[in-house]
Amino acid sequence: MLELRPNCEHCNKSLPPESMEAMICTFECTFCRDCVEQVLLNVCPNCGGGFVPRPVRPQINWKDGNSLSQYPASTKVVHKPVDPIKHRAFAKAIKKIAPERR
């Protein structure tokens, strides 16, 4: 079950469960779309993987209790700003490799 983390790890922007700006890597590292595109260059600073849009969990129980009320989003804030200079050096070679081949 995805945690649906509440914020961008880099800029600390609020990313509520319904946000269409939230991006995640395979380990659920969570960043806003602007940071992924402009700072991280689609390279996760924690694992080197790529990012995809985070799914939105239904607010309404349409079937079998699968909703935010049954499975609420995380409230644990993770704020670990990335050093842009160090990240550019880390991402330099990786960003040329398609995320599915990393």
PDB file of N, CA and C in Angstrom:
ATOM      1  N   MET A   1       0.851  -1.172   0.000  1.00  0.00           N
ATOM      2  CA  MET A   1       0.000   0.000   0.000  1.00  0.00           C
ATOM      3  C   MET A   1       0.900   1.239   0.000  1.00  0.00           C
ATOM      4  N   LEU A   2       0.706   2.112  -0.957  1.00  0.00           N
ATOM      5  CA  LEU A   2       1.488   3.350  -1.016  1.00  0.00           C
ATOM      6  C   LEU A   2       1.230   4.214   0.215  1.00  0.00           C
ATOM      7  N   GLU A   3       2.291   4.846   0.708  1.00  0.00           N
ATOM      8  CA  GLU A   3       2.156   5.724   1.865  1.00  0.00           C
ATOM      9  C   GLU A   3       1.438   7.027   1.531  1.00  0.00           C
ATOM     10  N   LEU A   4       1.569   7.505   0.312  1.00  0.00           N
ATOM     11  CA  LEU A   4       1.058   8.814  -0.087  1.00  0.00           C
ATOM     12  C   LEU A   4       1.633   9.881   0.844  1.00  0.00           C
ATOM     13  N   ARG A   5       2.937  10.062   0.747  1.00  0.00           N
ATOM     14  CA  ARG A   5       3.640  11.029   1.604  1.00  0.00           C
ATOM     15  C   ARG A   5       3.139  12.448   1.340  1.00  0.00           C
ATOM     16  N   PRO A   6       3.136  13.275   2.375  1.00  0.00           N
ATOM     17  CA  PRO A   6       2.444  14.568   2.304  1.00  0.00           C
ATOM     18  C   PRO A   6       3.204  15.741   1.707  1.00  0.00           C
ATOM     19  N   ASN A   7       4.464  15.541   1.312  1.00  0.00           N
ATOM     20  CA  ASN A   7       5.241  16.698   0.867  1.00  0.00           C
ATOM     21  C   ASN A   7       6.364  16.298  -0.085  1.00  0.00           C
ATOM     22  N   CYS A   8       6.910  17.307  -0.762  1.00  0.00           N
ATOM     23  CA  CYS A   8       8.091  17.123  -1.609  1.00  0.00           C
ATOM     24  C   CYS A   8       9.308  17.055  -0.698  1.00  0.00           C
ATOM     25  N   GLU A   9      10.114  16.023  -0.860  1.00  0.00           N
ATOM     26  CA  GLU A   9      11.294  15.864  -0.019  1.00  0.00           C
ATOM     27  C   GLU A   9      12.299  16.992  -0.217  1.00  0.00           C
ATOM     28  N   HIS A  10      12.320  17.610  -1.387  1.00  0.00           N
ATOM     29  CA  HIS A  10      13.290  18.674  -1.648  1.00  0.00           C
ATOM     30  C   HIS A  10      12.789  20.043  -1.206  1.00  0.00           C
ATOM     31  N   CYS A  11      11.700  20.517  -1.758  1.00  0.00           N
ATOM     32  CA  CYS A  11      11.247  21.893  -1.496  1.00  0.00           C
ATOM     33  C   CYS A  11      10.191  21.987  -0.398  1.00  0.00           C
ATOM     34  N   ASN A  12       9.734  20.849   0.092  1.00  0.00           N
ATOM     35  CA  ASN A  12       8.744  20.766   1.164  1.00  0.00           C
ATOM     36  C   ASN A  12       7.346  21.241   0.754  1.00  0.00           C
ATOM     37  N   LYS A  13       7.094  21.334  -0.544  1.00  0.00           N
ATOM     38  CA  LYS A  13       5.762  21.706  -1.026  1.00  0.00           C
ATOM     39  C   LYS A  13       4.751  20.659  -0.574  1.00  0.00           C
ATOM     40  N   SER A  14       3.593  21.113  -0.176  1.00  0.00           N
ATOM     41  CA  SER A  14       2.525  20.213   0.234  1.00  0.00           C
ATOM     42  C   SER A  14       2.014  19.410  -0.965  1.00  0.00           C
ATOM     43  N   LEU A  15       1.900  18.095  -0.784  1.00  0.00           N
ATOM     44  CA  LEU A  15       1.402  17.206  -1.829  1.00  0.00           C
ATOM     45  C   LEU A  15       0.300  16.329  -1.224  1.00  0.00           C
ATOM     46  N   PRO A  16      -0.902  16.886  -1.099  1.00  0.00           N
ATOM     47  CA  PRO A  16      -2.004  16.115  -0.513  1.00  0.00           C
ATOM     48  C   PRO A  16      -2.329  14.885  -1.364  1.00  0.00           C
ATOM     49  N   PRO A  17      -3.088  13.946  -0.825  1.00  0.00           N
ATOM     50  CA  PRO A  17      -3.369  12.693  -1.533  1.00  0.00           C
ATOM     51  C   PRO A  17      -3.926  12.874  -2.944  1.00  0.00           C
ATOM     52  N   GLU A  18      -4.672  13.948  -3.176  1.00  0.00           N
ATOM     53  CA  GLU A  18      -5.272  14.179  -4.495  1.00  0.00           C
ATOM     54  C   GLU A  18      -4.367  14.950  -5.451  1.00  0.00           C
ATOM     55  N   SER A  19      -3.146  15.277  -5.027  1.00  0.00           N
ATOM     56  CA  SER A  19      -2.254  16.082  -5.859  1.00  0.00           C
ATOM     57  C   SER A  19      -1.858  15.369  -7.151  1.00  0.00           C
ATOM     58  N   MET A  20      -1.966  16.097  -8.240  1.00  0.00           N
ATOM     59  CA  MET A  20      -1.518  15.578  -9.530  1.00  0.00           C
ATOM     60  C   MET A  20      -0.067  15.988  -9.799  1.00  0.00           C
ATOM     61  N   GLU A  21       0.557  16.685  -8.867  1.00  0.00           N
ATOM     62  CA  GLU A  21       1.951  17.120  -8.998  1.00  0.00           C
ATOM     63  C   GLU A  21       2.931  16.166  -8.327  1.00  0.00           C
ATOM     64  N   ALA A  22       2.425  15.211  -7.548  1.00  0.00           N
ATOM     65  CA  ALA A  22       3.291  14.297  -6.814  1.00  0.00           C
ATOM     66  C   ALA A  22       3.902  13.259  -7.749  1.00  0.00           C
ATOM     67  N   MET A  23       5.197  13.069  -7.604  1.00  0.00           N
ATOM     68  CA  MET A  23       5.939  12.083  -8.384  1.00  0.00           C
ATOM     69  C   MET A  23       6.659  11.160  -7.397  1.00  0.00           C
ATOM     70  N   ILE A  24       6.727   9.862  -7.733  1.00  0.00           N
ATOM     71  CA  ILE A  24       7.397   8.908  -6.855  1.00  0.00           C
ATOM     72  C   ILE A  24       8.353   8.024  -7.651  1.00  0.00           C
ATOM     73  N   CYS A  25       9.355   7.504  -6.936  1.00  0.00           N
ATOM     74  CA  CYS A  25      10.224   6.476  -7.512  1.00  0.00           C
ATOM     75  C   CYS A  25       9.736   5.131  -6.984  1.00  0.00           C
ATOM     76  N   THR A  26      10.404   4.069  -7.305  1.00  0.00           N
ATOM     77  CA  THR A  26       9.972   2.736  -6.888  1.00  0.00           C
ATOM     78  C   THR A  26      10.012   2.541  -5.376  1.00  0.00           C
ATOM     79  N   PHE A  27      10.798   3.356  -4.663  1.00  0.00           N
ATOM     80  CA  PHE A  27      10.866   3.269  -3.212  1.00  0.00           C
ATOM     81  C   PHE A  27       9.963   4.290  -2.530  1.00  0.00           C
ATOM     82  N   GLU A  28       9.088   4.925  -3.305  1.00  0.00           N
ATOM     83  CA  GLU A  28       8.128   5.919  -2.829  1.00  0.00           C
ATOM     84  C   GLU A  28       8.772   7.238  -2.407  1.00  0.00           C
ATOM     85  N   CYS A  29      10.029   7.473  -2.783  1.00  0.00           N
ATOM     86  CA  CYS A  29      10.595   8.802  -2.562  1.00  0.00           C
ATOM     87  C   CYS A  29       9.650   9.749  -3.289  1.00  0.00           C
ATOM     88  N   THR A  30       9.268  10.839  -2.651  1.00  0.00           N
ATOM     89  CA  THR A  30       8.210  11.688  -3.166  1.00  0.00           C
ATOM     90  C   THR A  30       8.704  13.112  -3.377  1.00  0.00           C
ATOM     91  N   PHE A  31       8.500  13.606  -4.592  1.00  0.00           N
ATOM     92  CA  PHE A  31       8.917  14.957  -4.963  1.00  0.00           C
ATOM     93  C   PHE A  31       7.828  15.580  -5.829  1.00  0.00           C
ATOM     94  N   CYS A  32       7.805  16.907  -5.878  1.00  0.00           N
ATOM     95  CA  CYS A  32       6.856  17.576  -6.765  1.00  0.00           C
ATOM     96  C   CYS A  32       7.394  17.529  -8.193  1.00  0.00           C
ATOM     97  N   ARG A  33       6.508  17.690  -9.144  1.00  0.00           N
ATOM     98  CA  ARG A  33       6.870  17.617 -10.558  1.00  0.00           C
ATOM     99  C   ARG A  33       7.955  18.646 -10.914  1.00  0.00           C
ATOM    100  N   ASP A  34       7.840  19.865 -10.372  1.00  0.00           N
ATOM    101  CA  ASP A  34       8.842  20.897 -10.674  1.00  0.00           C
ATOM    102  C   ASP A  34      10.233  20.473 -10.240  1.00  0.00           C
ATOM    103  N   CYS A  35      10.359  19.931  -9.034  1.00  0.00           N
ATOM    104  CA  CYS A  35      11.677  19.494  -8.557  1.00  0.00           C
ATOM    105  C   CYS A  35      12.209  18.319  -9.376  1.00  0.00           C
ATOM    106  N   VAL A  36      11.324  17.375  -9.726  1.00  0.00           N
ATOM    107  CA  VAL A  36      11.743  16.223 -10.534  1.00  0.00           C
ATOM    108  C   VAL A  36      12.305  16.689 -11.872  1.00  0.00           C
ATOM    109  N   GLU A  37      11.624  17.629 -12.508  1.00  0.00           N
ATOM    110  CA  GLU A  37      12.026  18.073 -13.841  1.00  0.00           C
ATOM    111  C   GLU A  37      13.181  19.079 -13.820  1.00  0.00           C
ATOM    112  N   GLN A  38      13.175  20.013 -12.877  1.00  0.00           N
ATOM    113  CA  GLN A  38      14.147  21.112 -12.921  1.00  0.00           C
ATOM    114  C   GLN A  38      15.375  20.906 -12.052  1.00  0.00           C
ATOM    115  N   VAL A  39      15.238  20.168 -10.956  1.00  0.00           N
ATOM    116  CA  VAL A  39      16.367  19.982 -10.044  1.00  0.00           C
ATOM    117  C   VAL A  39      16.944  18.576 -10.146  1.00  0.00           C
ATOM    118  N   LEU A  40      16.067  17.587 -10.138  1.00  0.00           N
ATOM    119  CA  LEU A  40      16.508  16.189 -10.078  1.00  0.00           C
ATOM    120  C   LEU A  40      16.762  15.558 -11.441  1.00  0.00           C
ATOM    121  N   LEU A  41      16.276  16.189 -12.500  1.00  0.00           N
ATOM    122  CA  LEU A  41      16.496  15.695 -13.864  1.00  0.00           C
ATOM    123  C   LEU A  41      15.994  14.260 -14.045  1.00  0.00           C
ATOM    124  N   ASN A  42      14.889  13.929 -13.367  1.00  0.00           N
ATOM    125  CA  ASN A  42      14.280  12.606 -13.389  1.00  0.00           C
ATOM    126  C   ASN A  42      15.214  11.508 -12.877  1.00  0.00           C
ATOM    127  N   VAL A  43      16.097  11.875 -11.934  1.00  0.00           N
ATOM    128  CA  VAL A  43      16.978  10.904 -11.279  1.00  0.00           C
ATOM    129  C   VAL A  43      16.753  11.034  -9.779  1.00  0.00           C
ATOM    130  N   CYS A  44      16.273   9.975  -9.156  1.00  0.00           N
ATOM    131  CA  CYS A  44      16.028  10.011  -7.718  1.00  0.00           C
ATOM    132  C   CYS A  44      17.359  10.163  -6.982  1.00  0.00           C
ATOM    133  N   PRO A  45      17.466  11.144  -6.094  1.00  0.00           N
ATOM    134  CA  PRO A  45      18.720  11.347  -5.377  1.00  0.00           C
ATOM    135  C   PRO A  45      18.994  10.261  -4.343  1.00  0.00           C
ATOM    136  N   ASN A  46      17.990   9.456  -4.034  1.00  0.00           N
ATOM    137  CA  ASN A  46      18.145   8.412  -3.022  1.00  0.00           C
ATOM    138  C   ASN A  46      18.491   7.051  -3.607  1.00  0.00           C
ATOM    139  N   CYS A  47      18.007   6.766  -4.841  1.00  0.00           N
ATOM    140  CA  CYS A  47      18.249   5.434  -5.409  1.00  0.00           C
ATOM    141  C   CYS A  47      18.751   5.454  -6.853  1.00  0.00           C
ATOM    142  N   GLY A  48      18.646   6.596  -7.531  1.00  0.00           N
ATOM    143  CA  GLY A  48      19.083   6.669  -8.927  1.00  0.00           C
ATOM    144  C   GLY A  48      18.009   6.290  -9.929  1.00  0.00           C
ATOM    145  N   GLY A  49      16.853   5.873  -9.454  1.00  0.00           N
ATOM    146  CA  GLY A  49      15.763   5.500 -10.346  1.00  0.00           C
ATOM    147  C   GLY A  49      15.053   6.704 -10.930  1.00  0.00           C
ATOM    148  N   GLY A  50      14.074   6.435 -11.777  1.00  0.00           N
ATOM    149  CA  GLY A  50      13.281   7.499 -12.375  1.00  0.00           C
ATOM    150  C   GLY A  50      11.987   7.696 -11.597  1.00  0.00           C
ATOM    151  N   PHE A  51      11.194   8.639 -12.055  1.00  0.00           N
ATOM    152  CA  PHE A  51       9.947   8.980 -11.383  1.00  0.00           C
ATOM    153  C   PHE A  51       8.747   8.760 -12.292  1.00  0.00           C
ATOM    154  N   VAL A  52       7.609   8.490 -11.662  1.00  0.00           N
ATOM    155  CA  VAL A  52       6.320   8.387 -12.341  1.00  0.00           C
ATOM    156  C   VAL A  52       5.309   9.175 -11.509  1.00  0.00           C
ATOM    157  N   PRO A  53       4.193   9.581 -12.120  1.00  0.00           N
ATOM    158  CA  PRO A  53       3.158  10.256 -11.339  1.00  0.00           C
ATOM    159  C   PRO A  53       2.625   9.337 -10.237  1.00  0.00           C
ATOM    160  N   ARG A  54       2.446   9.894  -9.047  1.00  0.00           N
ATOM    161  CA  ARG A  54       1.900   9.103  -7.944  1.00  0.00           C
ATOM    162  C   ARG A  54       0.403   8.903  -8.177  1.00  0.00           C
ATOM    163  N   PRO A  55      -0.094   7.678  -8.026  1.00  0.00           N
ATOM    164  CA  PRO A  55      -1.532   7.445  -8.183  1.00  0.00           C
ATOM    165  C   PRO A  55      -2.333   8.184  -7.118  1.00  0.00           C
ATOM    166  N   VAL A  56      -3.568   8.473  -7.436  1.00  0.00           N
ATOM    167  CA  VAL A  56      -4.474   9.122  -6.496  1.00  0.00           C
ATOM    168  C   VAL A  56      -5.395   8.047  -5.910  1.00  0.00           C
ATOM    169  N   ARG A  57      -5.440   7.968  -4.589  1.00  0.00           N
ATOM    170  CA  ARG A  57      -6.311   7.004  -3.916  1.00  0.00           C
ATOM    171  C   ARG A  57      -7.727   7.580  -3.865  1.00  0.00           C
ATOM    172  N   PRO A  58      -8.732   6.801  -4.197  1.00  0.00           N
ATOM    173  CA  PRO A  58     -10.102   7.309  -4.177  1.00  0.00           C
ATOM    174  C   PRO A  58     -10.496   7.853  -2.804  1.00  0.00           C
ATOM    175  N   GLN A  59     -11.185   8.975  -2.818  1.00  0.00           N
ATOM    176  CA  GLN A  59     -11.690   9.555  -1.575  1.00  0.00           C
ATOM    177  C   GLN A  59     -12.951   8.840  -1.113  1.00  0.00           C
ATOM    178  N   ILE A  60     -13.701   8.308  -2.069  1.00  0.00           N
ATOM    179  CA  ILE A  60     -14.973   7.655  -1.789  1.00  0.00           C
ATOM    180  C   ILE A  60     -14.800   6.140  -1.850  1.00  0.00           C
ATOM    181  N   ASN A  61     -15.451   5.443  -0.949  1.00  0.00           N
ATOM    182  CA  ASN A  61     -15.426   3.987  -0.932  1.00  0.00           C
ATOM    183  C   ASN A  61     -16.329   3.461  -2.045  1.00  0.00           C
ATOM    184  N   TRP A  62     -15.771   3.279  -3.213  1.00  0.00           N
ATOM    185  CA  TRP A  62     -16.551   2.770  -4.342  1.00  0.00           C
ATOM    186  C   TRP A  62     -16.715   1.262  -4.269  1.00  0.00           C
ATOM    187  N   LYS A  63     -15.711   0.586  -3.644  1.00  0.00           N
ATOM    188  CA  LYS A  63     -15.772  -0.877  -3.605  1.00  0.00           C
ATOM    189  C   LYS A  63     -14.858  -1.421  -2.509  1.00  0.00           C
ATOM    190  N   ASP A  64     -15.372  -2.284  -1.701  1.00  0.00           N
ATOM    191  CA  ASP A  64     -14.604  -3.064  -0.727  1.00  0.00           C
ATOM    192  C   ASP A  64     -13.769  -2.239   0.260  1.00  0.00           C
ATOM    193  N   GLY A  65     -14.161  -1.016   0.553  1.00  0.00           N
ATOM    194  CA  GLY A  65     -13.448  -0.207   1.541  1.00  0.00           C
ATOM    195  C   GLY A  65     -12.128   0.363   1.071  1.00  0.00           C
ATOM    196  N   ASN A  66     -11.872   0.319  -0.223  1.00  0.00           N
ATOM    197  CA  ASN A  66     -10.609   0.809  -0.770  1.00  0.00           C
ATOM    198  C   ASN A  66     -10.688   2.312  -1.010  1.00  0.00           C
ATOM    199  N   SER A  67     -10.420   3.074   0.047  1.00  0.00           N
ATOM    200  CA  SER A  67     -10.508   4.527  -0.048  1.00  0.00           C
ATOM    201  C   SER A  67      -9.599   5.170   0.996  1.00  0.00           C
ATOM    202  N   LEU A  68      -9.496   6.483   0.919  1.00  0.00           N
ATOM    203  CA  LEU A  68      -8.680   7.224   1.888  1.00  0.00           C
ATOM    204  C   LEU A  68      -9.180   7.044   3.317  1.00  0.00           C
ATOM    205  N   SER A  69     -10.469   6.890   3.497  1.00  0.00           N
ATOM    206  CA  SER A  69     -10.979   6.728   4.863  1.00  0.00           C
ATOM    207  C   SER A  69     -10.510   5.404   5.476  1.00  0.00           C
ATOM    208  N   GLN A  70     -10.408   4.370   4.675  1.00  0.00           N
ATOM    209  CA  GLN A  70      -9.928   3.064   5.151  1.00  0.00           C
ATOM    210  C   GLN A  70      -8.402   3.008   5.177  1.00  0.00           C
ATOM    211  N   TYR A  71      -7.762   3.625   4.212  1.00  0.00           N
ATOM    212  CA  TYR A  71      -6.308   3.617   4.079  1.00  0.00           C
ATOM    213  C   TYR A  71      -5.818   5.061   3.932  1.00  0.00           C
ATOM    214  N   PRO A  72      -5.720   5.784   5.036  1.00  0.00           N
ATOM    215  CA  PRO A  72      -5.350   7.202   4.969  1.00  0.00           C
ATOM    216  C   PRO A  72      -3.911   7.419   4.504  1.00  0.00           C
ATOM    217  N   ALA A  73      -3.684   8.613   3.976  1.00  0.00           N
ATOM    218  CA  ALA A  73      -2.346   9.007   3.541  1.00  0.00           C
ATOM    219  C   ALA A  73      -1.450   9.217   4.761  1.00  0.00           C
ATOM    220  N   SER A  74      -0.168   9.094   4.547  1.00  0.00           N
ATOM    221  CA  SER A  74       0.806   9.329   5.609  1.00  0.00           C
ATOM    222  C   SER A  74       0.807  10.803   6.006  1.00  0.00           C
ATOM    223  N   THR A  75       1.107  11.055   7.243  1.00  0.00           N
ATOM    224  CA  THR A  75       1.269  12.432   7.719  1.00  0.00           C
ATOM    225  C   THR A  75       2.721  12.717   8.082  1.00  0.00           C
ATOM    226  N   LYS A  76       3.593  11.721   7.896  1.00  0.00           N
ATOM    227  CA  LYS A  76       5.008  11.866   8.238  1.00  0.00           C
ATOM    228  C   LYS A  76       5.727  12.679   7.161  1.00  0.00           C
ATOM    229  N   VAL A  77       6.205  13.834   7.542  1.00  0.00           N
ATOM    230  CA  VAL A  77       6.918  14.715   6.619  1.00  0.00           C
ATOM    231  C   VAL A  77       8.363  14.238   6.484  1.00  0.00           C
ATOM    232  N   VAL A  78       8.820  14.090   5.242  1.00  0.00           N
ATOM    233  CA  VAL A  78      10.217  13.772   4.949  1.00  0.00           C
ATOM    234  C   VAL A  78      10.765  14.959   4.175  1.00  0.00           C
ATOM    235  N   HIS A  79      11.689  15.698   4.783  1.00  0.00           N
ATOM    236  CA  HIS A  79      12.256  16.880   4.133  1.00  0.00           C
ATOM    237  C   HIS A  79      13.766  16.759   4.159  1.00  0.00           C
ATOM    238  N   LYS A  80      14.325  16.357   3.020  1.00  0.00           N
ATOM    239  CA  LYS A  80      15.772  16.184   2.864  1.00  0.00           C
ATOM    240  C   LYS A  80      16.198  16.941   1.611  1.00  0.00           C
ATOM    241  N   PRO A  81      16.342  18.265   1.695  1.00  0.00           N
ATOM    242  CA  PRO A  81      16.702  19.036   0.503  1.00  0.00           C
ATOM    243  C   PRO A  81      17.965  18.479  -0.171  1.00  0.00           C
ATOM    244  N   VAL A  82      17.938  18.497  -1.478  1.00  0.00           N
ATOM    245  CA  VAL A  82      19.033  17.977  -2.286  1.00  0.00           C
ATOM    246  C   VAL A  82      20.017  19.099  -2.577  1.00  0.00           C
ATOM    247  N   ASP A  83      21.305  18.799  -2.483  1.00  0.00           N
ATOM    248  CA  ASP A  83      22.333  19.760  -2.902  1.00  0.00           C
ATOM    249  C   ASP A  83      22.384  19.704  -4.426  1.00  0.00           C
ATOM    250  N   PRO A  84      21.916  20.754  -5.117  1.00  0.00           N
ATOM    251  CA  PRO A  84      21.832  20.706  -6.585  1.00  0.00           C
ATOM    252  C   PRO A  84      23.164  20.436  -7.281  1.00  0.00           C
ATOM    253  N   ILE A  85      24.243  20.940  -6.761  1.00  0.00           N
ATOM    254  CA  ILE A  85      25.555  20.734  -7.401  1.00  0.00           C
ATOM    255  C   ILE A  85      25.975  19.273  -7.276  1.00  0.00           C
ATOM    256  N   LYS A  86      25.872  18.718  -6.084  1.00  0.00           N
ATOM    257  CA  LYS A  86      26.224  17.302  -5.894  1.00  0.00           C
ATOM    258  C   LYS A  86      25.292  16.403  -6.698  1.00  0.00           C
ATOM    259  N   HIS A  87      23.999  16.779  -6.746  1.00  0.00           N
ATOM    260  CA  HIS A  87      23.056  15.934  -7.485  1.00  0.00           C
ATOM    261  C   HIS A  87      23.344  15.957  -8.989  1.00  0.00           C
ATOM    262  N   ARG A  88      23.685  17.114  -9.532  1.00  0.00           N
ATOM    263  CA  ARG A  88      24.025  17.171 -10.964  1.00  0.00           C
ATOM    264  C   ARG A  88      25.185  16.236 -11.277  1.00  0.00           C
ATOM    265  N   ALA A  89      26.201  16.210 -10.404  1.00  0.00           N
ATOM    266  CA  ALA A  89      27.348  15.311 -10.612  1.00  0.00           C
ATOM    267  C   ALA A  89      26.901  13.851 -10.534  1.00  0.00           C
ATOM    268  N   PHE A  90      26.046  13.520  -9.562  1.00  0.00           N
ATOM    269  CA  PHE A  90      25.530  12.157  -9.411  1.00  0.00           C
ATOM    270  C   PHE A  90      24.697  11.758 -10.626  1.00  0.00           C
ATOM    271  N   ALA A  91      23.844  12.664 -11.092  1.00  0.00           N
ATOM    272  CA  ALA A  91      22.893  12.363 -12.165  1.00  0.00           C
ATOM    273  C   ALA A  91      23.485  12.441 -13.562  1.00  0.00           C
ATOM    274  N   LYS A  92      24.675  13.008 -13.692  1.00  0.00           N
ATOM    275  CA  LYS A  92      25.256  13.279 -15.015  1.00  0.00           C
ATOM    276  C   LYS A  92      25.206  12.072 -15.952  1.00  0.00           C
ATOM    277  N   ALA A  93      25.707  10.961 -15.539  1.00  0.00           N
ATOM    278  CA  ALA A  93      25.713   9.765 -16.397  1.00  0.00           C
ATOM    279  C   ALA A  93      24.383   9.026 -16.354  1.00  0.00           C
ATOM    280  N   ILE A  94      23.764   8.999 -15.199  1.00  0.00           N
ATOM    281  CA  ILE A  94      22.532   8.228 -15.020  1.00  0.00           C
ATOM    282  C   ILE A  94      21.383   8.781 -15.853  1.00  0.00           C
ATOM    283  N   LYS A  95      21.271  10.110 -15.942  1.00  0.00           N
ATOM    284  CA  LYS A  95      20.111  10.694 -16.627  1.00  0.00           C
ATOM    285  C   LYS A  95      20.059  10.344 -18.109  1.00  0.00           C
ATOM    286  N   LYS A  96      21.184   9.900 -18.670  1.00  0.00           N
ATOM    287  CA  LYS A  96      21.216   9.520 -20.091  1.00  0.00           C
ATOM    288  C   LYS A  96      20.655   8.108 -20.316  1.00  0.00           C
ATOM    289  N   ILE A  97      20.504   7.378 -19.229  1.00  0.00           N
ATOM    290  CA  ILE A  97      19.979   6.015 -19.309  1.00  0.00           C
ATOM    291  C   ILE A  97      18.483   6.065 -19.013  1.00  0.00           C
ATOM    292  N   ALA A  98      17.680   5.469 -19.860  1.00  0.00           N
ATOM    293  CA  ALA A  98      16.235   5.443 -19.629  1.00  0.00           C
ATOM    294  C   ALA A  98      15.944   4.819 -18.273  1.00  0.00           C
ATOM    295  N   PRO A  99      14.990   5.366 -17.508  1.00  0.00           N
ATOM    296  CA  PRO A  99      14.701   4.829 -16.181  1.00  0.00           C
ATOM    297  C   PRO A  99      14.467   3.323 -16.146  1.00  0.00           C
ATOM    298  N   GLU A 100      13.831   2.774 -17.164  1.00  0.00           N
ATOM    299  CA  GLU A 100      13.563   1.331 -17.164  1.00  0.00           C
ATOM    300  C   GLU A 100      14.821   0.486 -17.398  1.00  0.00           C
ATOM    301  N   ARG A 101      15.935   1.124 -17.718  1.00  0.00           N
ATOM    302  CA  ARG A 101      17.202   0.400 -17.939  1.00  0.00           C
ATOM    303  C   ARG A 101      18.226   0.670 -16.848  1.00  0.00           C
ATOM    304  N   ARG A 102      17.865   1.485 -15.865  1.00  0.00           N
ATOM    305  CA  ARG A 102      18.813   1.786 -14.794  1.00  0.00           C
ATOM    306  C   ARG A 102      18.916   0.614 -13.879  1.00  0.00           C
TER     307      ARG A 102
END
